[in-house]
Amino acid sequence: MTFKNNFKIFALILGCAAVFAACSRESNLDDDLISKQIIERICEANAKLFAENEITITQSEIDYAIWGSTLWFERKLEVNLSTKKSLAVQKIAGVFEDFRYYDETTHYLFQSETDTEPESFISSKISTGYWKYYSWDLPYLQDSLVKDIGKWREENGQFVGDNPVTAIEAYLGSKYYVTLSENNKYLKLELKSATGESLAIYEYSYTANPVFPAGYQPVQFPAAKQYSVHVNWGETYNTDTYYTNYDWVEENLKYFVIGRIGNWGETPEVAGKMPLFYYDEACTQLILEDSKPVSVSYDYDERYYWSLTGKLSSETDGTTVYVRWENEETVYNQYGND
């Protein structure tokens, strides 16, 4: 075979390789575009999820992270912000059941392995900020996680992405399967093991009619003794009343905790600002971390977090504190970063 023929063959191989490479690049570009579009759709679903006025979610999950076992948790959450009612029910292995029912001003809690223990039944007052600033606590894939997963793909009408969590052995090689509606709302979110076994299933619908659980009556739930603190939020937010937590007890003191982390909390959220708390309406007596009976703390990590805590007794019931909203840097400079 002559050199010229060798060159022709080499050129032919090179040409084929170039064609294959071009096809591969085109395929990669297509995959990247599809993945980008899927990420955009899931992130849009996240935004829509937390803008809902009513929702029902059913959940079945093996909770390795908490219990380290293979027990199935079954949960159902119904929330209707228009009627100011919500119901959360939980079963473990189909047997243990507890529920939380919120009805405008009262929270009913049943928590026990049997319904014959009196301490299993309790009711408490709901703060006036609860429904006003209601924060969803829902299962979803955070935007950052959706983007960190890497490439997403479509399989049988579902969006599939690898689960980057590796701390739990059962989750190694697991994948997320997301089903969205045509207008990008969550319909189903599922986590499957490397062998295709379901580890968690969440199903979503966008109507809710929470009612008091059958077999129980509000009169079964004695009211807890609670004290209150009033927070004058300033600006246009007016004053809200927050109640001490009925199960945090130390002698004759009752505790309350008000706070916000990210978009979670029963309080106003002012973009770019954080609250400074004062004992007086003129906002001259700043509440410090070690103040008593009320104290305040701030944390300056990735998401600015603040909390107002206090110990209330009958003598201090009805304490009012006042807020002045400042930008985050001002609050940071006031308290520093521990």
C-alpha atoms as a PDB file:
ATOM      1  CA  MET A   1       0.000   0.000   0.000  1.00  0.00           C
ATOM      2  CA  THR A   2       1.481   3.347  -0.996  1.00  0.00           C
ATOM      3  CA  PHE A   3       1.964   6.306   1.329  1.00  0.00           C
ATOM      4  CA  LYS A   4      -0.730   8.165  -0.624  1.00  0.00           C
ATOM      5  CA  ASN A   5      -3.223   5.356   0.030  1.00  0.00           C
ATOM      6  CA  ASN A   6      -2.243   5.253   3.699  1.00  0.00           C
ATOM      7  CA  PHE A   7      -2.899   8.985   3.903  1.00  0.00           C
ATOM      8  CA  LYS A   8      -6.319   8.566   2.271  1.00  0.00           C
ATOM      9  CA  ILE A   9      -7.272   5.888   4.764  1.00  0.00           C
ATOM     10  CA  PHE A  10      -5.996   8.022   7.655  1.00  0.00           C
ATOM     11  CA  ALA A  11      -7.914  11.016   6.317  1.00  0.00           C
ATOM     12  CA  LEU A  12     -11.058   8.896   6.025  1.00  0.00           C
ATOM     13  CA  ILE A  13     -10.688   7.725   9.641  1.00  0.00           C
ATOM     14  CA  LEU A  14     -10.101  11.307  10.750  1.00  0.00           C
ATOM     15  CA  GLY A  15     -13.158  12.430   8.837  1.00  0.00           C
ATOM     16  CA  CYS A  16     -15.299   9.754  10.491  1.00  0.00           C
ATOM     17  CA  ALA A  17     -13.904  10.704  13.891  1.00  0.00           C
ATOM     18  CA  ALA A  18     -14.753  14.342  13.214  1.00  0.00           C
ATOM     19  CA  VAL A  19     -18.305  13.394  12.272  1.00  0.00           C
ATOM     20  CA  PHE A  20     -18.665  11.248  15.406  1.00  0.00           C
ATOM     21  CA  ALA A  21     -17.209  14.054  17.547  1.00  0.00           C
ATOM     22  CA  ALA A  22     -19.596  16.569  16.005  1.00  0.00           C
ATOM     23  CA  CYS A  23     -22.517  14.237  16.693  1.00  0.00           C
ATOM     24  CA  SER A  24     -21.289  13.760  20.248  1.00  0.00           C
ATOM     25  CA  ARG A  25     -20.963  17.513  20.779  1.00  0.00           C
ATOM     26  CA  GLU A  26     -24.419  18.047  19.313  1.00  0.00           C
ATOM     27  CA  SER A  27     -25.785  15.342  21.594  1.00  0.00           C
ATOM     28  CA  ASN A  28     -24.120  16.924  24.617  1.00  0.00           C
ATOM     29  CA  LEU A  29     -25.504  20.317  23.657  1.00  0.00           C
ATOM     30  CA  ASP A  30     -28.975  18.815  23.363  1.00  0.00           C
ATOM     31  CA  ASP A  31     -28.598  17.095  26.741  1.00  0.00           C
ATOM     32  CA  ASP A  32     -27.388  20.314  28.358  1.00  0.00           C
ATOM     33  CA  LEU A  33     -30.305  22.267  26.881  1.00  0.00           C
ATOM     34  CA  ILE A  34     -32.843  19.676  28.026  1.00  0.00           C
ATOM     35  CA  SER A  35     -31.305  19.632  31.509  1.00  0.00           C
ATOM     36  CA  LYS A  36     -31.379  23.442  31.686  1.00  0.00           C
ATOM     37  CA  GLN A  37     -35.032  23.509  30.667  1.00  0.00           C
ATOM     38  CA  ILE A  38     -35.916  20.865  33.279  1.00  0.00           C
ATOM     39  CA  ILE A  39     -34.097  22.838  36.001  1.00  0.00           C
ATOM     40  CA  GLU A  40     -36.024  25.968  35.020  1.00  0.00           C
ATOM     41  CA  ARG A  41     -39.326  24.095  35.173  1.00  0.00           C
ATOM     42  CA  ILE A  42     -38.632  22.585  38.619  1.00  0.00           C
ATOM     43  CA  CYS A  43     -37.487  25.948  40.007  1.00  0.00           C
ATOM     44  CA  GLU A  44     -40.698  27.489  38.658  1.00  0.00           C
ATOM     45  CA  ALA A  45     -42.646  24.692  40.385  1.00  0.00           C
ATOM     46  CA  ASN A  46     -40.907  25.600  43.653  1.00  0.00           C
ATOM     47  CA  ALA A  47     -41.968  29.232  43.368  1.00  0.00           C
ATOM     48  CA  LYS A  48     -45.545  28.246  42.575  1.00  0.00           C
ATOM     49  CA  LEU A  49     -45.657  25.723  45.424  1.00  0.00           C
ATOM     50  CA  PHE A  50     -45.042  28.374  48.069  1.00  0.00           C
ATOM     51  CA  ALA A  51     -47.495  30.789  46.487  1.00  0.00           C
ATOM     52  CA  GLU A  52     -50.412  28.381  46.887  1.00  0.00           C
ATOM     53  CA  ASN A  53     -53.420  29.241  49.011  1.00  0.00           C
ATOM     54  CA  GLU A  54     -54.471  25.639  49.646  1.00  0.00           C
ATOM     55  CA  ILE A  55     -52.765  22.310  49.210  1.00  0.00           C
ATOM     56  CA  THR A  56     -52.969  18.631  50.129  1.00  0.00           C
ATOM     57  CA  ILE A  57     -49.861  16.447  50.267  1.00  0.00           C
ATOM     58  CA  THR A  58     -49.700  12.728  51.003  1.00  0.00           C
ATOM     59  CA  GLN A  59     -46.354  11.238  51.909  1.00  0.00           C
ATOM     60  CA  SER A  60     -44.947   7.742  52.375  1.00  0.00           C
ATOM     61  CA  GLU A  61     -41.323   7.552  53.409  1.00  0.00           C
ATOM     62  CA  ILE A  62     -38.741   5.278  55.004  1.00  0.00           C
ATOM     63  CA  ASP A  63     -37.099   7.678  57.425  1.00  0.00           C
ATOM     64  CA  TYR A  64     -33.551   6.316  57.626  1.00  0.00           C
ATOM     65  CA  ALA A  65     -32.185   9.726  58.531  1.00  0.00           C
ATOM     66  CA  ILE A  66     -34.056   9.934  61.840  1.00  0.00           C
ATOM     67  CA  TRP A  67     -34.737   6.405  62.987  1.00  0.00           C
ATOM     68  CA  GLY A  68     -32.152   4.320  61.138  1.00  0.00           C
ATOM     69  CA  SER A  69     -34.827   1.729  60.503  1.00  0.00           C
ATOM     70  CA  THR A  70     -37.047   0.570  57.680  1.00  0.00           C
ATOM     71  CA  LEU A  71     -40.326   1.696  59.245  1.00  0.00           C
ATOM     72  CA  TRP A  72     -42.666   3.472  56.854  1.00  0.00           C
ATOM     73  CA  PHE A  73     -44.006   6.891  57.809  1.00  0.00           C
ATOM     74  CA  GLU A  74     -47.344   7.885  56.340  1.00  0.00           C
ATOM     75  CA  ARG A  75     -48.260  11.538  56.534  1.00  0.00           C
ATOM     76  CA  LYS A  76     -50.999  13.722  55.145  1.00  0.00           C
ATOM     77  CA  LEU A  77     -51.059  17.496  55.229  1.00  0.00           C
ATOM     78  CA  GLU A  78     -54.035  19.660  54.290  1.00  0.00           C
ATOM     79  CA  VAL A  79     -53.836  23.456  54.485  1.00  0.00           C
ATOM     80  CA  ASN A  80     -56.416  26.037  53.468  1.00  0.00           C
ATOM     81  CA  LEU A  81     -55.276  29.588  54.146  1.00  0.00           C
ATOM     82  CA  SER A  82     -58.643  31.085  53.179  1.00  0.00           C
ATOM     83  CA  THR A  83     -60.539  29.176  55.863  1.00  0.00           C
ATOM     84  CA  LYS A  84     -57.553  29.290  58.270  1.00  0.00           C
ATOM     85  CA  LYS A  85     -57.613  25.554  58.854  1.00  0.00           C
ATOM     86  CA  SER A  86     -55.008  22.840  58.550  1.00  0.00           C
ATOM     87  CA  LEU A  87     -54.622  19.190  59.471  1.00  0.00           C
ATOM     88  CA  ALA A  88     -51.480  17.080  59.666  1.00  0.00           C
ATOM     89  CA  VAL A  89     -51.823  13.350  60.384  1.00  0.00           C
ATOM     90  CA  GLN A  90     -49.029  10.823  60.824  1.00  0.00           C
ATOM     91  CA  LYS A  91     -48.866   7.054  61.077  1.00  0.00           C
ATOM     92  CA  ILE A  92     -45.833   4.869  61.650  1.00  0.00           C
ATOM     93  CA  ALA A  93     -45.926   1.375  60.195  1.00  0.00           C
ATOM     94  CA  GLY A  94     -49.662   1.910  59.842  1.00  0.00           C
ATOM     95  CA  VAL A  95     -50.192   1.901  63.627  1.00  0.00           C
ATOM     96  CA  PHE A  96     -48.943   4.925  65.584  1.00  0.00           C
ATOM     97  CA  GLU A  97     -51.025   7.999  64.859  1.00  0.00           C
ATOM     98  CA  ASP A  98     -50.871  11.610  65.900  1.00  0.00           C
ATOM     99  CA  PHE A  99     -52.426  14.731  64.467  1.00  0.00           C
ATOM    100  CA  ARG A 100     -52.289  18.492  64.633  1.00  0.00           C
ATOM    101  CA  TYR A 101     -55.433  20.400  63.765  1.00  0.00           C
ATOM    102  CA  TYR A 102     -55.412  24.195  63.455  1.00  0.00           C
ATOM    103  CA  ASP A 103     -58.754  25.989  63.413  1.00  0.00           C
ATOM    104  CA  GLU A 104     -58.287  29.758  63.089  1.00  0.00           C
ATOM    105  CA  THR A 105     -57.401  30.533  66.732  1.00  0.00           C
ATOM    106  CA  THR A 106     -56.835  27.112  68.353  1.00  0.00           C
ATOM    107  CA  HIS A 107     -54.319  24.320  67.867  1.00  0.00           C
ATOM    108  CA  TYR A 108     -55.422  20.797  68.837  1.00  0.00           C
ATOM    109  CA  LEU A 109     -52.715  18.193  69.372  1.00  0.00           C
ATOM    110  CA  PHE A 110     -53.178  14.461  69.812  1.00  0.00           C
ATOM    111  CA  GLN A 111     -49.963  12.520  70.290  1.00  0.00           C
ATOM    112  CA  SER A 112     -49.892   9.051  71.758  1.00  0.00           C
ATOM    113  CA  GLU A 113     -49.760   5.346  70.995  1.00  0.00           C
ATOM    114  CA  THR A 114     -53.227   5.019  72.518  1.00  0.00           C
ATOM    115  CA  ASP A 115     -56.171   7.378  72.855  1.00  0.00           C
ATOM    116  CA  THR A 116     -56.759   6.537  76.525  1.00  0.00           C
ATOM    117  CA  GLU A 117     -53.924   8.625  78.002  1.00  0.00           C
ATOM    118  CA  PRO A 118     -55.235  12.047  79.140  1.00  0.00           C
ATOM    119  CA  GLU A 119     -51.899  13.748  78.470  1.00  0.00           C
ATOM    120  CA  SER A 120     -52.276  12.805  74.814  1.00  0.00           C
ATOM    121  CA  PHE A 121     -54.877  15.548  74.354  1.00  0.00           C
ATOM    122  CA  ILE A 122     -54.083  19.251  74.556  1.00  0.00           C
ATOM    123  CA  SER A 123     -55.149  22.499  72.917  1.00  0.00           C
ATOM    124  CA  SER A 124     -53.399  25.856  72.771  1.00  0.00           C
ATOM    125  CA  LYS A 125     -53.881  29.368  71.446  1.00  0.00           C
ATOM    126  CA  ILE A 126     -52.458  30.285  68.047  1.00  0.00           C
ATOM    127  CA  SER A 127     -50.512  33.513  67.678  1.00  0.00           C
ATOM    128  CA  THR A 128     -52.132  36.254  65.635  1.00  0.00           C
ATOM    129  CA  GLY A 129     -49.110  36.157  63.334  1.00  0.00           C
ATOM    130  CA  TYR A 130     -49.576  32.470  62.475  1.00  0.00           C
ATOM    131  CA  TRP A 131     -52.013  32.796  59.576  1.00  0.00           C
ATOM    132  CA  LYS A 132     -50.965  36.331  58.665  1.00  0.00           C
ATOM    133  CA  TYR A 133     -47.380  35.258  57.944  1.00  0.00           C
ATOM    134  CA  TYR A 134     -47.982  31.548  57.400  1.00  0.00           C
ATOM    135  CA  SER A 135     -44.845  29.773  56.165  1.00  0.00           C
ATOM    136  CA  TRP A 136     -45.174  26.531  54.241  1.00  0.00           C
ATOM    137  CA  ASP A 137     -43.204  23.565  55.517  1.00  0.00           C
ATOM    138  CA  LEU A 138     -43.472  21.303  52.488  1.00  0.00           C
ATOM    139  CA  PRO A 139     -41.421  18.573  50.807  1.00  0.00           C
ATOM    140  CA  TYR A 140     -39.761  19.888  47.647  1.00  0.00           C
ATOM    141  CA  LEU A 141     -36.379  20.056  45.917  1.00  0.00           C
ATOM    142  CA  GLN A 142     -34.622  23.298  46.791  1.00  0.00           C
ATOM    143  CA  ASP A 143     -33.399  25.368  43.836  1.00  0.00           C
ATOM    144  CA  SER A 144     -29.777  24.916  44.926  1.00  0.00           C
ATOM    145  CA  LEU A 145     -30.171  21.126  45.071  1.00  0.00           C
ATOM    146  CA  VAL A 146     -31.910  21.036  41.683  1.00  0.00           C
ATOM    147  CA  LYS A 147     -28.948  22.881  40.158  1.00  0.00           C
ATOM    148  CA  ASP A 148     -26.282  20.895  42.048  1.00  0.00           C
ATOM    149  CA  ILE A 149     -27.645  17.563  40.860  1.00  0.00           C
ATOM    150  CA  GLY A 150     -26.076  18.184  37.466  1.00  0.00           C
ATOM    151  CA  LYS A 151     -27.775  16.847  34.389  1.00  0.00           C
ATOM    152  CA  TRP A 152     -31.467  16.135  34.427  1.00  0.00           C
ATOM    153  CA  ARG A 153     -33.142  13.919  31.857  1.00  0.00           C
ATOM    154  CA  GLU A 154     -36.656  12.933  30.894  1.00  0.00           C
ATOM    155  CA  GLU A 155     -37.905   9.360  31.191  1.00  0.00           C
ATOM    156  CA  ASN A 156     -41.514   8.327  30.557  1.00  0.00           C
ATOM    157  CA  GLY A 157     -42.878  11.798  31.264  1.00  0.00           C
ATOM    158  CA  GLN A 158     -40.845  12.222  34.478  1.00  0.00           C
ATOM    159  CA  PHE A 159     -37.758  14.299  35.145  1.00  0.00           C
ATOM    160  CA  VAL A 160     -34.930  12.230  36.598  1.00  0.00           C
ATOM    161  CA  GLY A 161     -31.836  13.409  38.474  1.00  0.00           C
ATOM    162  CA  ASP A 162     -29.188  11.682  40.581  1.00  0.00           C
ATOM    163  CA  ASN A 163     -29.413  12.227  44.329  1.00  0.00           C
ATOM    164  CA  PRO A 164     -26.095  13.730  45.513  1.00  0.00           C
ATOM    165  CA  VAL A 165     -26.740  12.739  49.161  1.00  0.00           C
ATOM    166  CA  THR A 166     -24.369   9.948  50.173  1.00  0.00           C
ATOM    167  CA  ALA A 167     -24.321  10.130  53.993  1.00  0.00           C
ATOM    168  CA  ILE A 168     -27.043   7.467  54.266  1.00  0.00           C
ATOM    169  CA  GLU A 169     -26.071   4.123  52.780  1.00  0.00           C
ATOM    170  CA  ALA A 170     -29.574   3.331  51.531  1.00  0.00           C
ATOM    171  CA  TYR A 171     -29.497   6.539  49.446  1.00  0.00           C
ATOM    172  CA  LEU A 172     -26.312   5.657  47.538  1.00  0.00           C
ATOM    173  CA  GLY A 173     -27.090   5.687  43.830  1.00  0.00           C
ATOM    174  CA  SER A 174     -30.665   6.836  44.433  1.00  0.00           C
ATOM    175  CA  LYS A 175     -32.507   9.099  42.012  1.00  0.00           C
ATOM    176  CA  TYR A 176     -35.228  11.737  42.136  1.00  0.00           C
ATOM    177  CA  TYR A 177     -38.255  11.371  39.880  1.00  0.00           C
ATOM    178  CA  VAL A 178     -40.313  14.549  39.438  1.00  0.00           C
ATOM    179  CA  THR A 179     -43.717  14.769  37.760  1.00  0.00           C
ATOM    180  CA  LEU A 180     -44.979  18.244  36.930  1.00  0.00           C
ATOM    181  CA  SER A 181     -48.249  19.459  35.450  1.00  0.00           C
ATOM    182  CA  GLU A 182     -48.322  21.266  32.108  1.00  0.00           C
ATOM    183  CA  ASN A 183     -48.230  24.599  33.942  1.00  0.00           C
ATOM    184  CA  ASN A 184     -45.295  23.476  36.094  1.00  0.00           C
ATOM    185  CA  LYS A 185     -46.834  22.471  39.404  1.00  0.00           C
ATOM    186  CA  TYR A 186     -45.658  19.520  41.459  1.00  0.00           C
ATOM    187  CA  LEU A 187     -47.823  16.438  41.005  1.00  0.00           C
ATOM    188  CA  LYS A 188     -45.442  13.804  42.340  1.00  0.00           C
ATOM    189  CA  LEU A 189     -41.954  13.648  43.806  1.00  0.00           C
ATOM    190  CA  GLU A 190     -40.345  10.272  44.364  1.00  0.00           C
ATOM    191  CA  LEU A 191     -36.972   9.057  45.593  1.00  0.00           C
ATOM    192  CA  LYS A 192     -35.932   5.615  44.377  1.00  0.00           C
ATOM    193  CA  SER A 193     -32.980   3.476  45.386  1.00  0.00           C
ATOM    194  CA  ALA A 194     -30.284   2.317  42.963  1.00  0.00           C
ATOM    195  CA  THR A 195     -32.337  -0.856  42.457  1.00  0.00           C
ATOM    196  CA  GLY A 196     -35.556   1.058  41.735  1.00  0.00           C
ATOM    197  CA  GLU A 197     -37.159   0.576  45.175  1.00  0.00           C
ATOM    198  CA  SER A 198     -39.277   3.501  46.431  1.00  0.00           C
ATOM    199  CA  LEU A 199     -37.744   5.273  49.426  1.00  0.00           C
ATOM    200  CA  ALA A 200     -40.109   8.257  49.549  1.00  0.00           C
ATOM    201  CA  ILE A 201     -43.235   9.285  47.642  1.00  0.00           C
ATOM    202  CA  TYR A 202     -44.942  12.690  47.817  1.00  0.00           C
ATOM    203  CA  GLU A 203     -48.157  13.426  45.921  1.00  0.00           C
ATOM    204  CA  TYR A 204     -49.633  16.908  45.558  1.00  0.00           C
ATOM    205  CA  SER A 205     -53.092  18.298  44.880  1.00  0.00           C
ATOM    206  CA  TYR A 206     -54.210  21.896  45.051  1.00  0.00           C
ATOM    207  CA  THR A 207     -57.477  21.751  46.953  1.00  0.00           C
ATOM    208  CA  ALA A 208     -57.925  21.236  50.694  1.00  0.00           C
ATOM    209  CA  ASN A 209     -60.813  20.963  53.131  1.00  0.00           C
ATOM    210  CA  PRO A 210     -59.299  20.225  56.565  1.00  0.00           C
ATOM    211  CA  VAL A 211     -61.840  18.946  59.099  1.00  0.00           C
ATOM    212  CA  PHE A 212     -61.518  17.774  62.688  1.00  0.00           C
ATOM    213  CA  PRO A 213     -60.440  14.098  62.652  1.00  0.00           C
ATOM    214  CA  ALA A 214     -63.305  11.616  62.880  1.00  0.00           C
ATOM    215  CA  GLY A 215     -63.730   9.994  66.291  1.00  0.00           C
ATOM    216  CA  TYR A 216     -62.482  13.024  68.237  1.00  0.00           C
ATOM    217  CA  GLN A 217     -64.192  16.131  69.635  1.00  0.00           C
ATOM    218  CA  PRO A 218     -62.694  19.514  70.594  1.00  0.00           C
ATOM    219  CA  VAL A 219     -64.035  19.112  74.162  1.00  0.00           C
ATOM    220  CA  GLN A 220     -61.570  16.239  74.660  1.00  0.00           C
ATOM    221  CA  PHE A 221     -58.659  18.691  74.441  1.00  0.00           C
ATOM    222  CA  PRO A 222     -58.128  20.765  77.616  1.00  0.00           C
ATOM    223  CA  ALA A 223     -56.592  24.201  77.092  1.00  0.00           C
ATOM    224  CA  ALA A 224     -52.999  24.690  78.167  1.00  0.00           C
ATOM    225  CA  LYS A 225     -52.176  27.626  80.422  1.00  0.00           C
ATOM    226  CA  GLN A 226     -50.272  30.106  78.284  1.00  0.00           C
ATOM    227  CA  TYR A 227     -48.842  33.583  78.762  1.00  0.00           C
ATOM    228  CA  SER A 228     -48.390  36.106  75.991  1.00  0.00           C
ATOM    229  CA  VAL A 229     -46.014  38.672  74.580  1.00  0.00           C
ATOM    230  CA  HIS A 230     -47.057  41.435  72.193  1.00  0.00           C
ATOM    231  CA  VAL A 231     -44.718  42.499  69.400  1.00  0.00           C
ATOM    232  CA  ASN A 232     -45.235  45.892  67.816  1.00  0.00           C
ATOM    233  CA  TRP A 233     -43.589  45.310  64.435  1.00  0.00           C
ATOM    234  CA  GLY A 234     -43.571  48.993  63.483  1.00  0.00           C
ATOM    235  CA  GLU A 235     -43.990  50.422  59.985  1.00  0.00           C
ATOM    236  CA  THR A 236     -47.217  49.007  58.510  1.00  0.00           C
ATOM    237  CA  TYR A 237     -47.200  45.650  60.320  1.00  0.00           C
ATOM    238  CA  ASN A 238     -49.026  46.641  63.514  1.00  0.00           C
ATOM    239  CA  THR A 239     -48.929  44.472  66.675  1.00  0.00           C
ATOM    240  CA  ASP A 240     -49.215  40.689  66.982  1.00  0.00           C
ATOM    241  CA  THR A 241     -49.655  38.521  70.063  1.00  0.00           C
ATOM    242  CA  TYR A 242     -47.488  35.418  70.565  1.00  0.00           C
ATOM    243  CA  TYR A 243     -48.085  32.769  73.206  1.00  0.00           C
ATOM    244  CA  THR A 244     -45.739  30.742  75.332  1.00  0.00           C
ATOM    245  CA  ASN A 245     -45.168  27.151  74.312  1.00  0.00           C
ATOM    246  CA  TYR A 246     -47.238  24.901  76.549  1.00  0.00           C
ATOM    247  CA  ASP A 247     -44.646  22.125  76.747  1.00  0.00           C
ATOM    248  CA  TRP A 248     -41.634  24.267  77.683  1.00  0.00           C
ATOM    249  CA  VAL A 249     -41.973  24.564  81.444  1.00  0.00           C
ATOM    250  CA  GLU A 250     -39.476  25.453  84.182  1.00  0.00           C
ATOM    251  CA  GLU A 251     -41.115  25.840  87.570  1.00  0.00           C
ATOM    252  CA  ASN A 252     -43.537  28.757  87.121  1.00  0.00           C
ATOM    253  CA  LEU A 253     -41.953  30.104  83.947  1.00  0.00           C
ATOM    254  CA  LYS A 254     -43.192  29.628  80.408  1.00  0.00           C
ATOM    255  CA  TYR A 255     -41.073  30.066  77.299  1.00  0.00           C
ATOM    256  CA  PHE A 256     -41.843  31.640  73.973  1.00  0.00           C
ATOM    257  CA  VAL A 257     -39.724  31.668  70.822  1.00  0.00           C
ATOM    258  CA  ILE A 258     -40.303  33.929  67.828  1.00  0.00           C
ATOM    259  CA  GLY A 259     -37.925  33.830  64.920  1.00  0.00           C
ATOM    260  CA  ARG A 260     -37.248  33.636  61.227  1.00  0.00           C
ATOM    261  CA  ILE A 261     -34.785  31.670  59.184  1.00  0.00           C
ATOM    262  CA  GLY A 262     -34.915  32.142  55.457  1.00  0.00           C
ATOM    263  CA  ASN A 263     -38.586  32.350  54.509  1.00  0.00           C
ATOM    264  CA  TRP A 264     -39.767  30.410  57.557  1.00  0.00           C
ATOM    265  CA  GLY A 265     -41.412  32.057  60.557  1.00  0.00           C
ATOM    266  CA  GLU A 266     -44.684  33.471  61.904  1.00  0.00           C
ATOM    267  CA  THR A 267     -43.385  37.009  61.548  1.00  0.00           C
ATOM    268  CA  PRO A 268     -43.081  39.735  58.909  1.00  0.00           C
ATOM    269  CA  GLU A 269     -40.298  39.412  56.365  1.00  0.00           C
ATOM    270  CA  VAL A 270     -38.817  42.658  55.084  1.00  0.00           C
ATOM    271  CA  ALA A 271     -36.465  42.321  52.133  1.00  0.00           C
ATOM    272  CA  GLY A 272     -32.900  43.312  53.040  1.00  0.00           C
ATOM    273  CA  LYS A 273     -33.805  44.184  56.629  1.00  0.00           C
ATOM    274  CA  MET A 274     -33.822  42.610  60.054  1.00  0.00           C
ATOM    275  CA  PRO A 275     -35.627  43.660  63.238  1.00  0.00           C
ATOM    276  CA  LEU A 276     -33.977  45.316  66.215  1.00  0.00           C
ATOM    277  CA  PHE A 277     -36.032  44.771  69.385  1.00  0.00           C
ATOM    278  CA  TYR A 278     -36.585  47.347  72.123  1.00  0.00           C
ATOM    279  CA  TYR A 279     -38.358  47.455  75.478  1.00  0.00           C
ATOM    280  CA  ASP A 280     -39.737  50.945  74.839  1.00  0.00           C
ATOM    281  CA  GLU A 281     -41.797  52.493  72.059  1.00  0.00           C
ATOM    282  CA  ALA A 282     -39.211  55.242  71.525  1.00  0.00           C
ATOM    283  CA  CYS A 283     -36.714  52.464  70.670  1.00  0.00           C
ATOM    284  CA  THR A 284     -33.980  53.591  73.070  1.00  0.00           C
ATOM    285  CA  GLN A 285     -33.712  50.492  75.316  1.00  0.00           C
ATOM    286  CA  LEU A 286     -32.288  47.802  73.061  1.00  0.00           C
ATOM    287  CA  ILE A 287     -32.957  44.171  74.010  1.00  0.00           C
ATOM    288  CA  LEU A 288     -29.638  42.331  74.197  1.00  0.00           C
ATOM    289  CA  GLU A 289     -28.719  38.668  74.023  1.00  0.00           C
ATOM    290  CA  ASP A 290     -28.542  38.226  77.784  1.00  0.00           C
ATOM    291  CA  SER A 291     -31.488  40.465  78.645  1.00  0.00           C
ATOM    292  CA  LYS A 292     -34.174  39.132  80.981  1.00  0.00           C
ATOM    293  CA  PRO A 293     -36.982  38.216  80.810  1.00  0.00           C
ATOM    294  CA  VAL A 294     -36.624  38.696  77.045  1.00  0.00           C
ATOM    295  CA  SER A 295     -33.516  38.117  74.940  1.00  0.00           C
ATOM    296  CA  VAL A 296     -32.623  38.240  71.280  1.00  0.00           C
ATOM    297  CA  SER A 297     -30.058  36.454  69.123  1.00  0.00           C
ATOM    298  CA  TYR A 298     -28.853  36.766  65.541  1.00  0.00           C
ATOM    299  CA  ASP A 299     -26.871  34.446  63.316  1.00  0.00           C
ATOM    300  CA  TYR A 300     -25.041  35.569  60.201  1.00  0.00           C
ATOM    301  CA  ASP A 301     -24.377  32.493  58.120  1.00  0.00           C
ATOM    302  CA  GLU A 302     -25.670  31.926  54.580  1.00  0.00           C
ATOM    303  CA  ARG A 303     -29.231  32.815  55.596  1.00  0.00           C
ATOM    304  CA  TYR A 304     -29.672  35.569  58.133  1.00  0.00           C
ATOM    305  CA  TYR A 305     -31.465  34.149  61.167  1.00  0.00           C
ATOM    306  CA  TRP A 306     -32.880  35.861  64.177  1.00  0.00           C
ATOM    307  CA  SER A 307     -34.896  34.804  67.185  1.00  0.00           C
ATOM    308  CA  LEU A 308     -36.588  36.526  70.092  1.00  0.00           C
ATOM    309  CA  THR A 309     -36.984  34.367  73.188  1.00  0.00           C
ATOM    310  CA  GLY A 310     -38.386  34.965  76.608  1.00  0.00           C
ATOM    311  CA  LYS A 311     -39.452  33.572  79.955  1.00  0.00           C
ATOM    312  CA  LEU A 312     -42.857  34.759  81.017  1.00  0.00           C
ATOM    313  CA  SER A 313     -44.712  34.291  84.286  1.00  0.00           C
ATOM    314  CA  SER A 314     -48.085  35.633  85.352  1.00  0.00           C
ATOM    315  CA  GLU A 315     -46.335  38.805  86.620  1.00  0.00           C
ATOM    316  CA  THR A 316     -44.978  39.614  83.165  1.00  0.00           C
ATOM    317  CA  ASP A 317     -47.910  38.368  81.117  1.00  0.00           C
ATOM    318  CA  GLY A 318     -48.718  40.795  78.330  1.00  0.00           C
ATOM    319  CA  THR A 319     -45.203  42.234  77.935  1.00  0.00           C
ATOM    320  CA  THR A 320     -44.915  44.408  74.807  1.00  0.00           C
ATOM    321  CA  VAL A 321     -41.708  44.807  72.823  1.00  0.00           C
ATOM    322  CA  TYR A 322     -41.091  47.153  69.900  1.00  0.00           C
ATOM    323  CA  VAL A 323     -39.310  46.738  66.584  1.00  0.00           C
ATOM    324  CA  ARG A 324     -37.267  49.040  64.398  1.00  0.00           C
ATOM    325  CA  TRP A 325     -36.288  47.581  61.028  1.00  0.00           C
ATOM    326  CA  GLU A 326     -32.677  48.100  59.976  1.00  0.00           C
ATOM    327  CA  ASN A 327     -30.588  46.833  57.098  1.00  0.00           C
ATOM    328  CA  GLU A 328     -28.680  43.630  57.733  1.00  0.00           C
ATOM    329  CA  GLU A 329     -25.283  45.359  57.904  1.00  0.00           C
ATOM    330  CA  THR A 330     -26.474  47.696  60.658  1.00  0.00           C
ATOM    331  CA  VAL A 331     -27.755  44.775  62.722  1.00  0.00           C
ATOM    332  CA  TYR A 332     -24.548  42.859  62.021  1.00  0.00           C
ATOM    333  CA  ASN A 333     -22.443  45.764  63.256  1.00  0.00           C
ATOM    334  CA  GLN A 334     -24.631  46.118  66.346  1.00  0.00           C
ATOM    335  CA  TYR A 335     -24.301  42.502  67.460  1.00  0.00           C
ATOM    336  CA  GLY A 336     -21.202  41.280  65.613  1.00  0.00           C
ATOM    337  CA  ASN A 337     -20.678  37.789  64.307  1.00  0.00           C
ATOM    338  CA  ASP A 338     -19.846  35.131  66.868  1.00  0.00           C
END
